[in-house]
């Protein structure tokens, strides 16, 4: 970084560094304040009832699931990999037997 020297022997450099330091402190204080404010909002959150749980770690975990589109599913070391060959199209992979009735009912409920 190139620093400019003035006739006061570097006083300009000290002023610039002081301004940068104060600006960084102000940014840090703002970040901390925003983070604390967000924590208050998160503490008001409560989870609902879990309606489905699946590790998606092996072929047996997705037995009965349906692929819509040209997606490919593979499993390696307990992780599922899903992709579209040559990234040609979008795809959806899901277990429609369980969620379609739930989605239909959720559309009829008032919130």
C-alpha atoms as a PDB file:
ATOM      1  CA  UNK A   1       0.000   0.000   0.000  1.00  0.00           C
ATOM      2  CA  UNK A   2       1.429   3.354  -0.992  1.00  0.00           C
ATOM      3  CA  UNK A   3       1.306   5.998   1.741  1.00  0.00           C
ATOM      4  CA  UNK A   4       1.440   9.720   1.091  1.00  0.00           C
ATOM      5  CA  UNK A   5       3.785  11.831   3.154  1.00  0.00           C
ATOM      6  CA  UNK A   6       3.043  15.432   3.893  1.00  0.00           C
ATOM      7  CA  UNK A   7       5.213  18.188   5.297  1.00  0.00           C
ATOM      8  CA  UNK A   8       4.328  17.131   8.857  1.00  0.00           C
ATOM      9  CA  UNK A   9       6.383  13.936   8.602  1.00  0.00           C
ATOM     10  CA  UNK A  10       3.683  11.244   8.352  1.00  0.00           C
ATOM     11  CA  UNK A  11       0.887  12.952  10.246  1.00  0.00           C
ATOM     12  CA  UNK A  12      -1.413  12.310   7.277  1.00  0.00           C
ATOM     13  CA  UNK A  13      -0.668   8.570   7.494  1.00  0.00           C
ATOM     14  CA  UNK A  14      -1.549   8.515  11.177  1.00  0.00           C
ATOM     15  CA  UNK A  15      -4.840  10.301  10.518  1.00  0.00           C
ATOM     16  CA  UNK A  16      -5.778   7.849   7.769  1.00  0.00           C
ATOM     17  CA  UNK A  17      -4.888   4.841   9.928  1.00  0.00           C
ATOM     18  CA  UNK A  18      -6.855   6.311  12.828  1.00  0.00           C
ATOM     19  CA  UNK A  19      -9.907   6.808  10.588  1.00  0.00           C
ATOM     20  CA  UNK A  20      -9.631   3.249   9.259  1.00  0.00           C
ATOM     21  CA  UNK A  21      -9.339   1.890  12.793  1.00  0.00           C
ATOM     22  CA  UNK A  22     -12.402   3.809  13.973  1.00  0.00           C
ATOM     23  CA  UNK A  23     -14.373   2.687  10.924  1.00  0.00           C
ATOM     24  CA  UNK A  24     -13.497  -0.957  11.547  1.00  0.00           C
ATOM     25  CA  UNK A  25     -14.552  -0.647  15.195  1.00  0.00           C
ATOM     26  CA  UNK A  26     -17.845   0.907  14.119  1.00  0.00           C
ATOM     27  CA  UNK A  27     -18.460  -1.936  11.660  1.00  0.00           C
ATOM     28  CA  UNK A  28     -17.688  -4.501  14.376  1.00  0.00           C
ATOM     29  CA  UNK A  29     -20.066  -2.846  16.848  1.00  0.00           C
ATOM     30  CA  UNK A  30     -22.837  -2.709  14.218  1.00  0.00           C
ATOM     31  CA  UNK A  31     -22.289  -6.371  13.351  1.00  0.00           C
ATOM     32  CA  UNK A  32     -22.480  -7.398  17.007  1.00  0.00           C
ATOM     33  CA  UNK A  33     -25.629  -5.349  17.558  1.00  0.00           C
ATOM     34  CA  UNK A  34     -27.316  -6.919  14.512  1.00  0.00           C
ATOM     35  CA  UNK A  35     -26.274 -10.387  15.682  1.00  0.00           C
ATOM     36  CA  UNK A  36     -27.692  -9.820  19.173  1.00  0.00           C
ATOM     37  CA  UNK A  37     -30.937  -8.457  17.703  1.00  0.00           C
ATOM     38  CA  UNK A  38     -31.248 -11.543  15.491  1.00  0.00           C
ATOM     39  CA  UNK A  39     -30.763 -13.831  18.498  1.00  0.00           C
ATOM     40  CA  UNK A  40     -33.842 -12.298  20.132  1.00  0.00           C
ATOM     41  CA  UNK A  41     -35.910 -13.201  17.070  1.00  0.00           C
ATOM     42  CA  UNK A  42     -34.537 -16.762  16.974  1.00  0.00           C
ATOM     43  CA  UNK A  43     -35.357 -17.381  20.631  1.00  0.00           C
ATOM     44  CA  UNK A  44     -39.049 -16.743  19.845  1.00  0.00           C
ATOM     45  CA  UNK A  45     -39.030 -19.578  17.282  1.00  0.00           C
ATOM     46  CA  UNK A  46     -40.414 -22.990  18.209  1.00  0.00           C
ATOM     47  CA  UNK A  47     -40.355 -26.123  16.063  1.00  0.00           C
ATOM     48  CA  UNK A  48     -43.538 -27.877  15.076  1.00  0.00           C
ATOM     49  CA  UNK A  49     -44.155 -31.614  15.013  1.00  0.00           C
ATOM     50  CA  UNK A  50     -41.721 -33.614  12.899  1.00  0.00           C
ATOM     51  CA  UNK A  51     -43.769 -35.440  10.266  1.00  0.00           C
ATOM     52  CA  UNK A  52     -40.984 -37.333   8.471  1.00  0.00           C
ATOM     53  CA  UNK A  53     -37.373 -38.305   9.139  1.00  0.00           C
ATOM     54  CA  UNK A  54     -35.004 -40.088   6.766  1.00  0.00           C
ATOM     55  CA  UNK A  55     -31.203 -40.403   6.688  1.00  0.00           C
ATOM     56  CA  UNK A  56     -31.146 -40.619   2.852  1.00  0.00           C
ATOM     57  CA  UNK A  57     -27.988 -42.700   3.222  1.00  0.00           C
ATOM     58  CA  UNK A  58     -28.707 -45.808   1.122  1.00  0.00           C
ATOM     59  CA  UNK A  59     -30.985 -47.223  -1.583  1.00  0.00           C
ATOM     60  CA  UNK A  60     -33.378 -48.668   1.013  1.00  0.00           C
ATOM     61  CA  UNK A  61     -34.005 -45.173   2.441  1.00  0.00           C
ATOM     62  CA  UNK A  62     -35.578 -44.023  -0.834  1.00  0.00           C
ATOM     63  CA  UNK A  63     -37.550 -47.165  -1.664  1.00  0.00           C
ATOM     64  CA  UNK A  64     -40.862 -46.015  -3.149  1.00  0.00           C
ATOM     65  CA  UNK A  65     -39.615 -42.532  -3.955  1.00  0.00           C
ATOM     66  CA  UNK A  66     -40.211 -41.157  -7.461  1.00  0.00           C
ATOM     67  CA  UNK A  67     -37.932 -39.140  -9.731  1.00  0.00           C
ATOM     68  CA  UNK A  68     -39.566 -36.553 -11.968  1.00  0.00           C
ATOM     69  CA  UNK A  69     -37.197 -35.533 -14.725  1.00  0.00           C
ATOM     70  CA  UNK A  70     -33.869 -36.975 -15.818  1.00  0.00           C
ATOM     71  CA  UNK A  71     -32.229 -37.062 -12.398  1.00  0.00           C
ATOM     72  CA  UNK A  72     -29.752 -39.684 -11.234  1.00  0.00           C
ATOM     73  CA  UNK A  73     -29.362 -40.858  -7.628  1.00  0.00           C
ATOM     74  CA  UNK A  74     -26.284 -42.552  -6.170  1.00  0.00           C
ATOM     75  CA  UNK A  75     -25.017 -43.240  -2.646  1.00  0.00           C
ATOM     76  CA  UNK A  76     -21.463 -43.148  -1.347  1.00  0.00           C
ATOM     77  CA  UNK A  77     -20.238 -43.351   2.250  1.00  0.00           C
ATOM     78  CA  UNK A  78     -23.682 -42.618   3.692  1.00  0.00           C
ATOM     79  CA  UNK A  79     -24.387 -39.608   1.467  1.00  0.00           C
ATOM     80  CA  UNK A  80     -26.908 -39.314  -1.342  1.00  0.00           C
ATOM     81  CA  UNK A  81     -25.832 -37.664  -4.579  1.00  0.00           C
ATOM     82  CA  UNK A  82     -28.500 -36.369  -6.959  1.00  0.00           C
ATOM     83  CA  UNK A  83     -27.821 -34.739 -10.310  1.00  0.00           C
ATOM     84  CA  UNK A  84     -29.082 -34.331 -13.854  1.00  0.00           C
ATOM     85  CA  UNK A  85     -26.780 -35.818 -16.517  1.00  0.00           C
ATOM     86  CA  UNK A  86     -25.129 -33.023 -18.504  1.00  0.00           C
ATOM     87  CA  UNK A  87     -27.256 -30.591 -16.461  1.00  0.00           C
ATOM     88  CA  UNK A  88     -29.943 -30.753 -19.157  1.00  0.00           C
ATOM     89  CA  UNK A  89     -33.130 -30.444 -17.109  1.00  0.00           C
ATOM     90  CA  UNK A  90     -34.507 -29.800 -13.656  1.00  0.00           C
ATOM     91  CA  UNK A  91     -35.660 -32.758 -11.622  1.00  0.00           C
ATOM     92  CA  UNK A  92     -37.654 -33.457  -8.468  1.00  0.00           C
ATOM     93  CA  UNK A  93     -37.184 -36.473  -6.222  1.00  0.00           C
ATOM     94  CA  UNK A  94     -39.727 -37.184  -3.528  1.00  0.00           C
ATOM     95  CA  UNK A  95     -41.910 -39.600  -1.630  1.00  0.00           C
ATOM     96  CA  UNK A  96     -45.314 -38.549  -2.924  1.00  0.00           C
ATOM     97  CA  UNK A  97     -47.385 -41.156  -1.087  1.00  0.00           C
ATOM     98  CA  UNK A  98     -46.763 -39.497   2.288  1.00  0.00           C
ATOM     99  CA  UNK A  99     -46.761 -35.799   1.492  1.00  0.00           C
ATOM    100  CA  UNK A 100     -49.386 -35.290  -1.189  1.00  0.00           C
ATOM    101  CA  UNK A 101     -52.303 -35.792   1.239  1.00  0.00           C
ATOM    102  CA  UNK A 102     -50.543 -33.554   3.780  1.00  0.00           C
ATOM    103  CA  UNK A 103     -49.971 -30.842   1.178  1.00  0.00           C
ATOM    104  CA  UNK A 104     -53.574 -31.086   0.042  1.00  0.00           C
ATOM    105  CA  UNK A 105     -54.783 -30.669   3.617  1.00  0.00           C
ATOM    106  CA  UNK A 106     -52.380 -27.803   4.319  1.00  0.00           C
ATOM    107  CA  UNK A 107     -53.844 -25.894   1.389  1.00  0.00           C
ATOM    108  CA  UNK A 108     -57.304 -26.150   2.943  1.00  0.00           C
ATOM    109  CA  UNK A 109     -56.271 -24.970   6.432  1.00  0.00           C
ATOM    110  CA  UNK A 110     -56.518 -21.372   7.541  1.00  0.00           C
ATOM    111  CA  UNK A 111     -53.366 -19.861   9.011  1.00  0.00           C
END
